[in-house]
Amino acid sequence: MFRLIKWLFYLAILGFIVLVAYAYIGPFFGADFSPPQTEIREDVILETQ
């Protein structure tokens, strides 16, 4: 049982390292992580008494 937990721990650490590496190296391969920059305007009507 301990061996299984140890391998799952190693797999989680490896997955984290791969995810961080993809976040840094991804833009060099065409992955764009930036959100679209568009302005959204919406009228707000406040009702007074």
PDB file of N, CA and C in Angstrom:
ATOM      1  N   MET A   1       0.826  -1.194   0.000  1.00  0.00           N
ATOM      2  CA  MET A   1       0.000   0.000   0.000  1.00  0.00           C
ATOM      3  C   MET A   1       0.873   1.263   0.000  1.00  0.00           C
ATOM      4  N   PHE A   2       1.928   1.242   0.793  1.00  0.00           N
ATOM      5  CA  PHE A   2       2.825   2.389   0.841  1.00  0.00           C
ATOM      6  C   PHE A   2       3.485   2.627  -0.521  1.00  0.00           C
ATOM      7  N   ARG A   3       3.789   1.550  -1.223  1.00  0.00           N
ATOM      8  CA  ARG A   3       4.412   1.667  -2.532  1.00  0.00           C
ATOM      9  C   ARG A   3       3.481   2.381  -3.523  1.00  0.00           C
ATOM     10  N   LEU A   4       2.195   2.080  -3.460  1.00  0.00           N
ATOM     11  CA  LEU A   4       1.216   2.729  -4.329  1.00  0.00           C
ATOM     12  C   LEU A   4       1.103   4.216  -4.010  1.00  0.00           C
ATOM     13  N   ILE A   5       1.060   4.551  -2.739  1.00  0.00           N
ATOM     14  CA  ILE A   5       0.979   5.958  -2.334  1.00  0.00           C
ATOM     15  C   ILE A   5       2.233   6.706  -2.765  1.00  0.00           C
ATOM     16  N   LYS A   6       3.381   6.069  -2.638  1.00  0.00           N
ATOM     17  CA  LYS A   6       4.635   6.689  -3.038  1.00  0.00           C
ATOM     18  C   LYS A   6       4.636   6.973  -4.542  1.00  0.00           C
ATOM     19  N   TRP A   7       4.173   6.028  -5.358  1.00  0.00           N
ATOM     20  CA  TRP A   7       4.133   6.238  -6.803  1.00  0.00           C
ATOM     21  C   TRP A   7       3.114   7.309  -7.189  1.00  0.00           C
ATOM     22  N   LEU A   8       1.994   7.366  -6.499  1.00  0.00           N
ATOM     23  CA  LEU A   8       1.018   8.421  -6.760  1.00  0.00           C
ATOM     24  C   LEU A   8       1.577   9.793  -6.399  1.00  0.00           C
ATOM     25  N   PHE A   9       2.333   9.855  -5.325  1.00  0.00           N
ATOM     26  CA  PHE A   9       2.984  11.100  -4.937  1.00  0.00           C
ATOM     27  C   PHE A   9       3.997  11.533  -5.995  1.00  0.00           C
ATOM     28  N   TYR A  10       4.812  10.599  -6.473  1.00  0.00           N
ATOM     29  CA  TYR A  10       5.775  10.910  -7.527  1.00  0.00           C
ATOM     30  C   TYR A  10       5.067  11.348  -8.805  1.00  0.00           C
ATOM     31  N   LEU A  11       3.975  10.705  -9.146  1.00  0.00           N
ATOM     32  CA  LEU A  11       3.213  11.057 -10.338  1.00  0.00           C
ATOM     33  C   LEU A  11       2.604  12.455 -10.207  1.00  0.00           C
ATOM     34  N   ALA A  12       2.121  12.810  -9.026  1.00  0.00           N
ATOM     35  CA  ALA A  12       1.564  14.144  -8.812  1.00  0.00           C
ATOM     36  C   ALA A  12       2.650  15.207  -8.933  1.00  0.00           C
ATOM     37  N   ILE A  13       3.827  14.953  -8.392  1.00  0.00           N
ATOM     38  CA  ILE A  13       4.947  15.908  -8.500  1.00  0.00           C
ATOM     39  C   ILE A  13       5.375  16.047  -9.957  1.00  0.00           C
ATOM     40  N   LEU A  14       5.455  14.945 -10.666  1.00  0.00           N
ATOM     41  CA  LEU A  14       5.836  14.993 -12.071  1.00  0.00           C
ATOM     42  C   LEU A  14       4.791  15.751 -12.888  1.00  0.00           C
ATOM     43  N   GLY A  15       3.512  15.538 -12.612  1.00  0.00           N
ATOM     44  CA  GLY A  15       2.447  16.254 -13.307  1.00  0.00           C
ATOM     45  C   GLY A  15       2.520  17.747 -13.049  1.00  0.00           C
ATOM     46  N   PHE A  16       2.815  18.136 -11.818  1.00  0.00           N
ATOM     47  CA  PHE A  16       2.963  19.556 -11.489  1.00  0.00           C
ATOM     48  C   PHE A  16       4.130  20.179 -12.246  1.00  0.00           C
ATOM     49  N   ILE A  17       5.240  19.485 -12.304  1.00  0.00           N
ATOM     50  CA  ILE A  17       6.419  19.990 -13.015  1.00  0.00           C
ATOM     51  C   ILE A  17       6.118  20.135 -14.507  1.00  0.00           C
ATOM     52  N   VAL A  18       5.427  19.166 -15.083  1.00  0.00           N
ATOM     53  CA  VAL A  18       5.075  19.234 -16.503  1.00  0.00           C
ATOM     54  C   VAL A  18       4.115  20.390 -16.760  1.00  0.00           C
ATOM     55  N   LEU A  19       3.161  20.597 -15.870  1.00  0.00           N
ATOM     56  CA  LEU A  19       2.211  21.699 -16.033  1.00  0.00           C
ATOM     57  C   LEU A  19       2.914  23.055 -15.973  1.00  0.00           C
ATOM     58  N   VAL A  20       3.823  23.225 -15.041  1.00  0.00           N
ATOM     59  CA  VAL A  20       4.573  24.482 -14.937  1.00  0.00           C
ATOM     60  C   VAL A  20       5.469  24.670 -16.166  1.00  0.00           C
ATOM     61  N   ALA A  21       6.099  23.606 -16.621  1.00  0.00           N
ATOM     62  CA  ALA A  21       6.941  23.706 -17.813  1.00  0.00           C
ATOM     63  C   ALA A  21       6.101  24.074 -19.034  1.00  0.00           C
ATOM     64  N   TYR A  22       4.906  23.519 -19.162  1.00  0.00           N
ATOM     65  CA  TYR A  22       4.037  23.852 -20.294  1.00  0.00           C
ATOM     66  C   TYR A  22       3.589  25.307 -20.224  1.00  0.00           C
ATOM     67  N   ALA A  23       3.356  25.808 -19.028  1.00  0.00           N
ATOM     68  CA  ALA A  23       2.938  27.201 -18.881  1.00  0.00           C
ATOM     69  C   ALA A  23       4.056  28.153 -19.316  1.00  0.00           C
ATOM     70  N   TYR A  24       5.301  27.789 -19.085  1.00  0.00           N
ATOM     71  CA  TYR A  24       6.414  28.650 -19.479  1.00  0.00           C
ATOM     72  C   TYR A  24       6.846  28.429 -20.928  1.00  0.00           C
ATOM     73  N   ILE A  25       6.802  27.200 -21.405  1.00  0.00           N
ATOM     74  CA  ILE A  25       7.306  26.882 -22.739  1.00  0.00           C
ATOM     75  C   ILE A  25       6.194  26.935 -23.787  1.00  0.00           C
ATOM     76  N   GLY A  26       4.928  26.838 -23.382  1.00  0.00           N
ATOM     77  CA  GLY A  26       3.802  26.805 -24.303  1.00  0.00           C
ATOM     78  C   GLY A  26       3.745  27.934 -25.304  1.00  0.00           C
ATOM     79  N   PRO A  27       3.970  29.203 -24.906  1.00  0.00           N
ATOM     80  CA  PRO A  27       3.916  30.294 -25.891  1.00  0.00           C
ATOM     81  C   PRO A  27       4.945  30.173 -27.016  1.00  0.00           C
ATOM     82  N   PHE A  28       6.056  29.497 -26.805  1.00  0.00           N
ATOM     83  CA  PHE A  28       7.040  29.306 -27.874  1.00  0.00           C
ATOM     84  C   PHE A  28       6.520  28.352 -28.949  1.00  0.00           C
ATOM     85  N   PHE A  29       5.541  27.500 -28.588  1.00  0.00           N
ATOM     86  CA  PHE A  29       4.971  26.540 -29.535  1.00  0.00           C
ATOM     87  C   PHE A  29       3.598  26.949 -30.034  1.00  0.00           C
ATOM     88  N   GLY A  30       3.191  28.199 -29.771  1.00  0.00           N
ATOM     89  CA  GLY A  30       1.941  28.695 -30.318  1.00  0.00           C
ATOM     90  C   GLY A  30       0.759  28.666 -29.370  1.00  0.00           C
ATOM     91  N   ALA A  31       0.917  28.247 -28.154  1.00  0.00           N
ATOM     92  CA  ALA A  31      -0.182  28.247 -27.182  1.00  0.00           C
ATOM     93  C   ALA A  31      -0.267  29.647 -26.573  1.00  0.00           C
ATOM     94  N   ASP A  32      -1.413  30.292 -26.759  1.00  0.00           N
ATOM     95  CA  ASP A  32      -1.595  31.644 -26.246  1.00  0.00           C
ATOM     96  C   ASP A  32      -2.540  31.586 -25.055  1.00  0.00           C
ATOM     97  N   PHE A  33      -2.066  31.945 -23.890  1.00  0.00           N
ATOM     98  CA  PHE A  33      -2.852  31.843 -22.667  1.00  0.00           C
ATOM     99  C   PHE A  33      -3.491  33.162 -22.252  1.00  0.00           C
ATOM    100  N   SER A  34      -3.265  34.216 -23.016  1.00  0.00           N
ATOM    101  CA  SER A  34      -3.804  35.514 -22.616  1.00  0.00           C
ATOM    102  C   SER A  34      -5.290  35.602 -22.981  1.00  0.00           C
ATOM    103  N   PRO A  35      -6.090  36.252 -22.145  1.00  0.00           N
ATOM    104  CA  PRO A  35      -7.515  36.389 -22.445  1.00  0.00           C
ATOM    105  C   PRO A  35      -7.728  37.407 -23.559  1.00  0.00           C
ATOM    106  N   PRO A  36      -8.833  37.293 -24.273  1.00  0.00           N
ATOM    107  CA  PRO A  36      -9.096  38.284 -25.320  1.00  0.00           C
ATOM    108  C   PRO A  36      -9.353  39.663 -24.707  1.00  0.00           C
ATOM    109  N   GLN A  37      -8.749  40.678 -25.304  1.00  0.00           N
ATOM    110  CA  GLN A  37      -8.846  42.032 -24.771  1.00  0.00           C
ATOM    111  C   GLN A  37      -9.930  42.793 -25.529  1.00  0.00           C
ATOM    112  N   THR A  38     -11.161  42.695 -25.049  1.00  0.00           N
ATOM    113  CA  THR A  38     -12.264  43.437 -25.643  1.00  0.00           C
ATOM    114  C   THR A  38     -12.997  44.196 -24.546  1.00  0.00           C
ATOM    115  N   GLU A  39     -13.441  45.386 -24.912  1.00  0.00           N
ATOM    116  CA  GLU A  39     -14.164  46.210 -23.946  1.00  0.00           C
ATOM    117  C   GLU A  39     -15.650  45.902 -24.054  1.00  0.00           C
ATOM    118  N   ILE A  40     -16.272  45.688 -22.925  1.00  0.00           N
ATOM    119  CA  ILE A  40     -17.705  45.393 -22.884  1.00  0.00           C
ATOM    120  C   ILE A  40     -18.393  46.507 -22.121  1.00  0.00           C
ATOM    121  N   ARG A  41     -19.359  47.132 -22.772  1.00  0.00           N
ATOM    122  CA  ARG A  41     -20.126  48.196 -22.113  1.00  0.00           C
ATOM    123  C   ARG A  41     -21.582  47.766 -22.053  1.00  0.00           C
ATOM    124  N   GLU A  42     -22.179  47.988 -20.910  1.00  0.00           N
ATOM    125  CA  GLU A  42     -23.582  47.651 -20.727  1.00  0.00           C
ATOM    126  C   GLU A  42     -24.231  48.757 -19.894  1.00  0.00           C
ATOM    127  N   ASP A  43     -25.353  49.267 -20.380  1.00  0.00           N
ATOM    128  CA  ASP A  43     -26.055  50.321 -19.659  1.00  0.00           C
ATOM    129  C   ASP A  43     -26.695  49.763 -18.402  1.00  0.00           C
ATOM    130  N   VAL A  44     -26.586  50.531 -17.331  1.00  0.00           N
ATOM    131  CA  VAL A  44     -27.202  50.166 -16.061  1.00  0.00           C
ATOM    132  C   VAL A  44     -28.223  51.252 -15.723  1.00  0.00           C
ATOM    133  N   ILE A  45     -29.451  50.836 -15.519  1.00  0.00           N
ATOM    134  CA  ILE A  45     -30.512  51.768 -15.175  1.00  0.00           C
ATOM    135  C   ILE A  45     -30.814  51.626 -13.687  1.00  0.00           C
ATOM    136  N   LEU A  46     -30.579  52.723 -12.946  1.00  0.00           N
ATOM    137  CA  LEU A  46     -30.831  52.717 -11.514  1.00  0.00           C
ATOM    138  C   LEU A  46     -32.179  53.358 -11.267  1.00  0.00           C
ATOM    139  N   GLU A  47     -33.007  52.649 -10.563  1.00  0.00           N
ATOM    140  CA  GLU A  47     -34.335  53.174 -10.278  1.00  0.00           C
ATOM    141  C   GLU A  47     -34.301  53.881  -8.931  1.00  0.00           C
ATOM    142  N   THR A  48     -34.767  55.131  -8.926  1.00  0.00           N
ATOM    143  CA  THR A  48     -34.812  55.907  -7.685  1.00  0.00           C
ATOM    144  C   THR A  48     -36.241  56.036  -7.225  1.00  0.00           C
ATOM    145  N   GLN A  49     -36.406  56.296  -5.964  1.00  0.00           N
ATOM    146  CA  GLN A  49     -37.761  56.412  -5.408  1.00  0.00           C
ATOM    147  C   GLN A  49     -38.144  57.841  -5.196  1.00  0.00           C
TER     148      GLN A  49
END
